[in-house]
Amino acid sequence: MSKISPEENKLDSTFGHWVKLQHSDFQGNAKCCTCGRYYSWDKLQAGHYRNRFDKATKYDERNVHPQCIQCNYFKSGAQVNHAEFINRKYGAGVSQELDRKAKMGVCQRKRYDFIFMENEYADKIRELLPSKSPEIQLKMKQYKRRKK
């Protein structure tokens, strides 16, 4: 397994925050996509339907949704339930499309790709923050203060 660069690590964190905030309400509560239980956004994980080591789908927004630790970690992502969720949310056959995309193999990203993508998701978080509680805004202040 190759080592993750600092730029990819930063993107992983920002992308994960965006996934969880995108699916949460004003107070920050979001539903686990596989079991349906509600949790605070910061107690959820950004669960990947196709494993995060499948580089072609790692940052595909249709592939990553809030999951509780029980489903994501202890149930190995609850793949069948996650596929059903994806097909309900995005349309029949989307999980199979993600399967095909993941099997395509090589997805080469360079340092500047990670930096660009991290900036894009930081911008998306900044756009979401006004719709979240002051507590969430304070917790996510590192995104609020960034300059373009």
N, C-alpha and C. Protein backbone atom coordinates (compact mmCIF):
# COMPACT_ATOMS: atom_id res chain seq x y z
N MET A 1 0.84 -1.17 0.00
CA MET A 1 0.00 0.00 0.00
C MET A 1 0.89 1.24 0.00
N SER A 2 0.55 2.20 -0.84
CA SER A 2 1.37 3.40 -0.93
C SER A 2 0.99 4.39 0.17
N LYS A 3 1.96 5.20 0.52
CA LYS A 3 1.75 6.21 1.55
C LYS A 3 0.89 7.34 1.00
N ILE A 4 0.00 7.85 1.82
CA ILE A 4 -0.87 8.96 1.42
C ILE A 4 -0.11 10.27 1.65
N SER A 5 -0.12 11.12 0.64
CA SER A 5 0.57 12.41 0.73
C SER A 5 -0.18 13.35 1.68
N PRO A 6 0.49 14.36 2.20
CA PRO A 6 -0.20 15.34 3.06
C PRO A 6 -1.38 16.01 2.33
N GLU A 7 -1.22 16.24 1.02
CA GLU A 7 -2.29 16.87 0.24
C GLU A 7 -3.52 15.97 0.13
N GLU A 8 -3.28 14.67 -0.10
CA GLU A 8 -4.41 13.73 -0.17
C GLU A 8 -5.05 13.57 1.19
N ASN A 9 -4.25 13.55 2.24
CA ASN A 9 -4.78 13.44 3.60
C ASN A 9 -5.67 14.63 3.94
N LYS A 10 -5.25 15.83 3.53
CA LYS A 10 -6.05 17.04 3.78
C LYS A 10 -7.36 16.98 2.99
N LEU A 11 -7.28 16.52 1.74
CA LEU A 11 -8.49 16.36 0.93
C LEU A 11 -9.43 15.35 1.57
N ASP A 12 -8.90 14.23 2.05
CA ASP A 12 -9.74 13.22 2.71
C ASP A 12 -10.54 13.83 3.86
N SER A 13 -9.88 14.63 4.67
CA SER A 13 -10.53 15.25 5.81
C SER A 13 -11.61 16.24 5.36
N THR A 14 -11.28 17.10 4.43
CA THR A 14 -12.23 18.11 3.94
C THR A 14 -13.41 17.44 3.25
N PHE A 15 -13.13 16.47 2.39
CA PHE A 15 -14.20 15.76 1.68
C PHE A 15 -15.12 15.05 2.67
N GLY A 16 -14.54 14.40 3.68
CA GLY A 16 -15.34 13.72 4.70
C GLY A 16 -16.24 14.68 5.47
N HIS A 17 -15.68 15.84 5.84
CA HIS A 17 -16.50 16.86 6.52
C HIS A 17 -17.65 17.29 5.62
N TRP A 18 -17.36 17.54 4.35
CA TRP A 18 -18.41 17.98 3.42
C TRP A 18 -19.50 16.92 3.29
N VAL A 19 -19.12 15.65 3.12
CA VAL A 19 -20.11 14.58 2.97
C VAL A 19 -21.07 14.58 4.15
N LYS A 20 -20.53 14.66 5.35
CA LYS A 20 -21.38 14.58 6.55
C LYS A 20 -22.21 15.84 6.73
N LEU A 21 -21.63 17.01 6.49
CA LEU A 21 -22.39 18.27 6.63
C LEU A 21 -23.45 18.41 5.55
N GLN A 22 -23.14 17.97 4.35
CA GLN A 22 -24.08 18.04 3.21
C GLN A 22 -25.38 17.31 3.53
N HIS A 23 -25.28 16.22 4.27
CA HIS A 23 -26.45 15.39 4.55
C HIS A 23 -27.06 15.66 5.93
N SER A 24 -26.59 16.71 6.62
CA SER A 24 -27.10 16.98 7.97
C SER A 24 -28.07 18.16 7.97
N ASP A 25 -28.89 18.21 9.02
CA ASP A 25 -29.83 19.31 9.17
C ASP A 25 -29.16 20.49 9.89
N PHE A 26 -29.92 21.51 10.23
CA PHE A 26 -29.41 22.72 10.87
C PHE A 26 -28.61 22.39 12.13
N GLN A 27 -29.12 21.45 12.94
CA GLN A 27 -28.45 21.07 14.19
C GLN A 27 -27.31 20.10 13.98
N GLY A 28 -27.15 19.63 12.75
CA GLY A 28 -26.05 18.71 12.46
C GLY A 28 -26.39 17.24 12.58
N ASN A 29 -27.67 16.91 12.62
CA ASN A 29 -28.08 15.52 12.69
C ASN A 29 -28.23 14.95 11.29
N ALA A 30 -27.71 13.75 11.10
CA ALA A 30 -27.79 13.11 9.80
C ALA A 30 -28.09 11.63 9.99
N LYS A 31 -28.65 11.05 8.96
CA LYS A 31 -29.04 9.64 9.01
C LYS A 31 -27.95 8.77 8.40
N CYS A 32 -27.64 7.68 9.09
CA CYS A 32 -26.74 6.69 8.52
C CYS A 32 -27.43 6.12 7.29
N CYS A 33 -26.74 6.12 6.17
CA CYS A 33 -27.37 5.70 4.91
C CYS A 33 -27.71 4.22 4.87
N THR A 34 -27.13 3.43 5.76
CA THR A 34 -27.36 1.99 5.69
C THR A 34 -28.29 1.44 6.77
N CYS A 35 -28.29 2.02 7.97
CA CYS A 35 -29.20 1.51 9.01
C CYS A 35 -30.35 2.47 9.29
N GLY A 36 -30.22 3.73 8.87
CA GLY A 36 -31.30 4.69 9.04
C GLY A 36 -31.35 5.38 10.38
N ARG A 37 -30.42 5.09 11.28
CA ARG A 37 -30.41 5.76 12.58
C ARG A 37 -29.80 7.16 12.43
N TYR A 38 -30.26 8.07 13.27
CA TYR A 38 -29.75 9.44 13.26
C TYR A 38 -28.63 9.62 14.28
N TYR A 39 -27.64 10.39 13.88
CA TYR A 39 -26.49 10.70 14.72
C TYR A 39 -26.08 12.14 14.45
N SER A 40 -25.30 12.70 15.38
CA SER A 40 -24.68 13.99 15.13
C SER A 40 -23.67 13.79 14.01
N TRP A 41 -23.57 14.77 13.11
CA TRP A 41 -22.69 14.65 11.95
C TRP A 41 -21.26 14.29 12.33
N ASP A 42 -20.78 14.79 13.47
CA ASP A 42 -19.39 14.54 13.86
C ASP A 42 -19.18 13.17 14.50
N LYS A 43 -20.26 12.42 14.68
CA LYS A 43 -20.15 11.04 15.16
C LYS A 43 -20.25 10.04 14.01
N LEU A 44 -20.55 10.54 12.83
CA LEU A 44 -20.65 9.69 11.65
C LEU A 44 -19.33 9.64 10.90
N GLN A 45 -19.22 8.68 10.02
CA GLN A 45 -18.06 8.55 9.15
C GLN A 45 -18.50 8.75 7.71
N ALA A 46 -17.55 9.12 6.86
CA ALA A 46 -17.83 9.21 5.43
C ALA A 46 -17.61 7.81 4.86
N GLY A 47 -18.71 7.07 4.74
CA GLY A 47 -18.63 5.68 4.31
C GLY A 47 -18.63 5.53 2.81
N HIS A 48 -17.69 4.77 2.32
CA HIS A 48 -17.56 4.52 0.88
C HIS A 48 -18.25 3.22 0.52
N TYR A 49 -19.12 3.27 -0.49
CA TYR A 49 -19.72 2.04 -1.03
C TYR A 49 -18.62 1.19 -1.66
N ARG A 50 -17.94 1.77 -2.64
CA ARG A 50 -16.75 1.12 -3.20
C ARG A 50 -15.59 1.55 -2.32
N ASN A 51 -14.76 0.63 -1.93
CA ASN A 51 -13.67 0.87 -1.00
C ASN A 51 -12.87 2.10 -1.39
N ARG A 52 -12.41 2.82 -0.38
CA ARG A 52 -11.65 4.05 -0.63
C ARG A 52 -10.32 3.79 -1.34
N PHE A 53 -9.89 2.54 -1.41
CA PHE A 53 -8.68 2.20 -2.15
C PHE A 53 -8.94 2.10 -3.66
N ASP A 54 -10.23 2.08 -4.03
CA ASP A 54 -10.59 2.16 -5.45
C ASP A 54 -10.53 3.63 -5.83
N LYS A 55 -9.39 4.06 -6.33
CA LYS A 55 -9.13 5.49 -6.55
C LYS A 55 -10.13 6.16 -7.50
N ALA A 56 -10.65 5.42 -8.46
CA ALA A 56 -11.57 6.02 -9.44
C ALA A 56 -12.88 6.47 -8.80
N THR A 57 -13.28 5.85 -7.70
CA THR A 57 -14.54 6.20 -7.04
C THR A 57 -14.35 6.82 -5.67
N LYS A 58 -13.13 6.96 -5.23
CA LYS A 58 -12.86 7.46 -3.87
C LYS A 58 -13.54 8.79 -3.59
N TYR A 59 -13.52 9.71 -4.55
CA TYR A 59 -14.12 11.03 -4.35
C TYR A 59 -15.37 11.24 -5.20
N ASP A 60 -15.95 10.17 -5.69
CA ASP A 60 -17.22 10.27 -6.42
C ASP A 60 -18.31 10.50 -5.37
N GLU A 61 -19.00 11.62 -5.47
CA GLU A 61 -19.99 11.99 -4.45
C GLU A 61 -21.12 10.98 -4.33
N ARG A 62 -21.38 10.22 -5.37
CA ARG A 62 -22.43 9.20 -5.32
C ARG A 62 -21.97 7.97 -4.54
N ASN A 63 -20.69 7.85 -4.30
CA ASN A 63 -20.10 6.68 -3.66
C ASN A 63 -19.93 6.84 -2.15
N VAL A 64 -20.04 8.05 -1.63
CA VAL A 64 -19.69 8.32 -0.23
C VAL A 64 -20.85 9.00 0.48
N HIS A 65 -21.26 8.41 1.60
CA HIS A 65 -22.41 8.92 2.37
C HIS A 65 -22.16 8.73 3.86
N PRO A 66 -22.89 9.48 4.69
CA PRO A 66 -22.72 9.32 6.13
C PRO A 66 -23.09 7.90 6.58
N GLN A 67 -22.21 7.32 7.37
CA GLN A 67 -22.47 6.01 7.95
C GLN A 67 -22.03 6.02 9.41
N CYS A 68 -22.76 5.30 10.24
CA CYS A 68 -22.35 5.14 11.63
C CYS A 68 -21.16 4.17 11.67
N ILE A 69 -20.43 4.20 12.76
CA ILE A 69 -19.25 3.34 12.88
C ILE A 69 -19.65 1.86 12.85
N GLN A 70 -20.82 1.55 13.40
CA GLN A 70 -21.28 0.16 13.39
C GLN A 70 -21.40 -0.36 11.96
N CYS A 71 -22.05 0.39 11.10
CA CYS A 71 -22.23 -0.05 9.70
C CYS A 71 -20.94 0.05 8.90
N ASN A 72 -20.23 1.16 9.04
CA ASN A 72 -19.05 1.38 8.20
C ASN A 72 -17.88 0.51 8.60
N TYR A 73 -17.64 0.38 9.88
CA TYR A 73 -16.46 -0.35 10.34
C TYR A 73 -16.77 -1.80 10.70
N PHE A 74 -17.72 -1.98 11.61
CA PHE A 74 -17.99 -3.32 12.12
C PHE A 74 -18.76 -4.20 11.13
N LYS A 75 -19.50 -3.57 10.22
CA LYS A 75 -20.23 -4.34 9.20
C LYS A 75 -19.60 -4.14 7.81
N SER A 76 -18.36 -3.70 7.79
CA SER A 76 -17.58 -3.52 6.55
C SER A 76 -18.32 -2.70 5.50
N GLY A 77 -19.01 -1.67 5.95
CA GLY A 77 -19.69 -0.76 5.04
C GLY A 77 -21.11 -1.16 4.69
N ALA A 78 -21.58 -2.30 5.22
CA ALA A 78 -22.94 -2.78 4.92
C ALA A 78 -23.24 -2.60 3.43
N GLN A 79 -22.41 -3.24 2.61
CA GLN A 79 -22.40 -3.02 1.16
C GLN A 79 -23.76 -3.18 0.48
N VAL A 80 -24.49 -4.21 0.83
CA VAL A 80 -25.79 -4.44 0.17
C VAL A 80 -26.74 -3.28 0.48
N ASN A 81 -26.81 -2.88 1.75
CA ASN A 81 -27.67 -1.76 2.13
C ASN A 81 -27.20 -0.46 1.49
N HIS A 82 -25.89 -0.28 1.40
CA HIS A 82 -25.36 0.94 0.79
C HIS A 82 -25.72 0.98 -0.69
N ALA A 83 -25.60 -0.14 -1.37
CA ALA A 83 -25.97 -0.20 -2.81
C ALA A 83 -27.45 0.12 -2.98
N GLU A 84 -28.30 -0.42 -2.12
CA GLU A 84 -29.73 -0.14 -2.20
C GLU A 84 -30.01 1.34 -1.99
N PHE A 85 -29.31 1.95 -1.02
CA PHE A 85 -29.46 3.38 -0.76
C PHE A 85 -29.07 4.19 -2.00
N ILE A 86 -27.94 3.86 -2.58
CA ILE A 86 -27.45 4.58 -3.77
C ILE A 86 -28.46 4.49 -4.91
N ASN A 87 -28.99 3.30 -5.15
CA ASN A 87 -29.96 3.12 -6.24
C ASN A 87 -31.27 3.86 -5.97
N ARG A 88 -31.68 3.94 -4.72
CA ARG A 88 -32.88 4.73 -4.38
C ARG A 88 -32.62 6.22 -4.56
N LYS A 89 -31.45 6.67 -4.14
CA LYS A 89 -31.13 8.11 -4.17
C LYS A 89 -30.83 8.62 -5.58
N TYR A 90 -30.07 7.86 -6.34
CA TYR A 90 -29.58 8.35 -7.63
C TYR A 90 -30.21 7.67 -8.84
N GLY A 91 -30.92 6.58 -8.60
CA GLY A 91 -31.55 5.88 -9.71
C GLY A 91 -31.04 4.45 -9.85
N ALA A 92 -31.89 3.61 -10.40
CA ALA A 92 -31.55 2.19 -10.58
C ALA A 92 -30.28 2.05 -11.40
N GLY A 93 -29.41 1.18 -10.95
CA GLY A 93 -28.19 0.87 -11.70
C GLY A 93 -26.98 1.71 -11.36
N VAL A 94 -27.13 2.74 -10.51
CA VAL A 94 -25.99 3.60 -10.20
C VAL A 94 -24.93 2.84 -9.40
N SER A 95 -25.35 1.95 -8.49
CA SER A 95 -24.34 1.19 -7.75
C SER A 95 -23.53 0.30 -8.69
N GLN A 96 -24.19 -0.27 -9.69
CA GLN A 96 -23.47 -1.09 -10.67
C GLN A 96 -22.52 -0.22 -11.51
N GLU A 97 -22.95 1.00 -11.80
CA GLU A 97 -22.07 1.93 -12.53
C GLU A 97 -20.82 2.23 -11.71
N LEU A 98 -20.99 2.43 -10.40
CA LEU A 98 -19.84 2.66 -9.52
C LEU A 98 -18.94 1.43 -9.46
N ASP A 99 -19.55 0.24 -9.46
CA ASP A 99 -18.76 -1.00 -9.49
C ASP A 99 -17.88 -1.04 -10.73
N ARG A 100 -18.47 -0.73 -11.87
CA ARG A 100 -17.71 -0.73 -13.13
C ARG A 100 -16.61 0.33 -13.12
N LYS A 101 -16.96 1.50 -12.65
CA LYS A 101 -15.98 2.60 -12.60
C LYS A 101 -14.79 2.21 -11.71
N ALA A 102 -15.07 1.58 -10.57
CA ALA A 102 -14.00 1.18 -9.65
C ALA A 102 -13.09 0.13 -10.27
N LYS A 103 -13.65 -0.74 -11.07
CA LYS A 103 -12.86 -1.82 -11.69
C LYS A 103 -12.04 -1.34 -12.88
N MET A 104 -12.29 -0.13 -13.33
CA MET A 104 -11.53 0.40 -14.46
C MET A 104 -10.06 0.52 -14.11
N GLY A 105 -9.78 0.58 -12.82
CA GLY A 105 -8.39 0.53 -12.39
C GLY A 105 -7.75 1.88 -12.18
N VAL A 106 -6.77 2.17 -12.98
CA VAL A 106 -5.86 3.28 -12.76
C VAL A 106 -6.59 4.62 -12.72
N CYS A 107 -6.29 5.37 -11.70
CA CYS A 107 -6.76 6.75 -11.57
C CYS A 107 -5.59 7.52 -10.96
N GLN A 108 -4.83 8.14 -11.80
CA GLN A 108 -3.64 8.86 -11.36
C GLN A 108 -3.98 10.30 -11.00
N ARG A 109 -3.76 10.64 -9.76
CA ARG A 109 -3.93 12.03 -9.34
C ARG A 109 -2.59 12.55 -8.88
N LYS A 110 -2.33 13.77 -9.21
CA LYS A 110 -1.08 14.44 -8.82
C LYS A 110 -1.34 15.36 -7.64
N ARG A 111 -0.27 15.87 -7.07
CA ARG A 111 -0.35 16.76 -5.92
C ARG A 111 -1.31 17.91 -6.18
N TYR A 112 -1.21 18.54 -7.35
CA TYR A 112 -2.07 19.70 -7.66
C TYR A 112 -3.53 19.30 -7.78
N ASP A 113 -3.82 18.03 -8.15
CA ASP A 113 -5.22 17.57 -8.20
C ASP A 113 -5.81 17.55 -6.79
N PHE A 114 -5.03 17.05 -5.83
CA PHE A 114 -5.51 17.00 -4.44
C PHE A 114 -5.71 18.41 -3.89
N ILE A 115 -4.81 19.30 -4.20
CA ILE A 115 -4.93 20.68 -3.73
C ILE A 115 -6.16 21.34 -4.33
N PHE A 116 -6.34 21.19 -5.64
CA PHE A 116 -7.50 21.77 -6.31
C PHE A 116 -8.80 21.21 -5.73
N MET A 117 -8.89 19.89 -5.59
CA MET A 117 -10.11 19.26 -5.08
C MET A 117 -10.38 19.67 -3.63
N GLU A 118 -9.33 19.76 -2.82
CA GLU A 118 -9.51 20.17 -1.42
C GLU A 118 -10.07 21.58 -1.37
N ASN A 119 -9.57 22.47 -2.23
CA ASN A 119 -10.10 23.84 -2.27
C ASN A 119 -11.56 23.85 -2.70
N GLU A 120 -11.92 23.00 -3.66
CA GLU A 120 -13.31 22.92 -4.12
C GLU A 120 -14.24 22.48 -2.98
N TYR A 121 -13.85 21.46 -2.22
CA TYR A 121 -14.70 20.99 -1.13
C TYR A 121 -14.70 21.95 0.06
N ALA A 122 -13.61 22.66 0.28
CA ALA A 122 -13.60 23.71 1.30
C ALA A 122 -14.59 24.81 0.92
N ASP A 123 -14.64 25.16 -0.36
CA ASP A 123 -15.62 26.14 -0.84
C ASP A 123 -17.05 25.63 -0.61
N LYS A 124 -17.28 24.36 -0.89
CA LYS A 124 -18.62 23.78 -0.69
C LYS A 124 -19.01 23.82 0.79
N ILE A 125 -18.05 23.57 1.67
CA ILE A 125 -18.33 23.65 3.11
C ILE A 125 -18.68 25.09 3.48
N ARG A 126 -17.92 26.05 2.97
CA ARG A 126 -18.22 27.46 3.25
C ARG A 126 -19.63 27.83 2.80
N GLU A 127 -20.06 27.28 1.67
CA GLU A 127 -21.41 27.54 1.19
C GLU A 127 -22.47 26.93 2.11
N LEU A 128 -22.15 25.80 2.73
CA LEU A 128 -23.10 25.12 3.62
C LEU A 128 -23.19 25.77 5.00
N LEU A 129 -22.12 26.35 5.49
CA LEU A 129 -22.07 26.81 6.87
C LEU A 129 -23.19 27.76 7.28
N PRO A 130 -23.62 28.71 6.45
CA PRO A 130 -24.71 29.58 6.88
C PRO A 130 -26.01 28.83 7.20
N SER A 131 -26.18 27.63 6.66
CA SER A 131 -27.39 26.85 6.91
C SER A 131 -27.26 25.93 8.13
N LYS A 132 -26.15 26.06 8.86
CA LYS A 132 -25.90 25.21 10.02
C LYS A 132 -25.90 26.04 11.30
N SER A 133 -26.05 25.37 12.42
CA SER A 133 -26.12 26.05 13.71
C SER A 133 -24.81 26.79 14.03
N PRO A 134 -24.89 27.80 14.91
CA PRO A 134 -23.67 28.50 15.32
C PRO A 134 -22.61 27.56 15.91
N GLU A 135 -23.05 26.50 16.59
CA GLU A 135 -22.10 25.54 17.16
C GLU A 135 -21.29 24.84 16.07
N ILE A 136 -21.98 24.45 15.00
CA ILE A 136 -21.29 23.80 13.88
C ILE A 136 -20.38 24.81 13.19
N GLN A 137 -20.86 26.02 13.01
CA GLN A 137 -20.04 27.04 12.36
C GLN A 137 -18.75 27.29 13.15
N LEU A 138 -18.87 27.30 14.47
CA LEU A 138 -17.69 27.50 15.31
C LEU A 138 -16.74 26.32 15.18
N LYS A 139 -17.28 25.12 15.19
CA LYS A 139 -16.46 23.91 15.07
C LYS A 139 -15.73 23.86 13.73
N MET A 140 -16.34 24.43 12.70
CA MET A 140 -15.77 24.38 11.36
C MET A 140 -15.11 25.70 10.96
N LYS A 141 -14.68 26.46 11.94
CA LYS A 141 -14.13 27.80 11.68
C LYS A 141 -12.91 27.77 10.77
N GLN A 142 -12.18 26.66 10.70
CA GLN A 142 -11.00 26.62 9.82
C GLN A 142 -11.40 26.80 8.36
N TYR A 143 -12.64 26.43 8.02
CA TYR A 143 -13.11 26.62 6.65
C TYR A 143 -13.67 28.03 6.44
N LYS A 144 -14.22 28.59 7.48
CA LYS A 144 -14.84 29.91 7.39
C LYS A 144 -13.81 31.00 7.13
N ARG A 145 -12.63 30.85 7.67
CA ARG A 145 -11.61 31.90 7.61
C ARG A 145 -10.70 31.80 6.40
N ARG A 146 -10.81 30.77 5.65
CA ARG A 146 -9.93 30.58 4.50
C ARG A 146 -10.15 31.64 3.45
N LYS A 147 -9.10 31.99 2.78
CA LYS A 147 -9.20 32.93 1.66
C LYS A 147 -9.00 32.16 0.38
N LYS A 148 -9.64 32.64 -0.66
CA LYS A 148 -9.52 32.00 -1.98
C LYS A 148 -8.19 32.30 -2.62
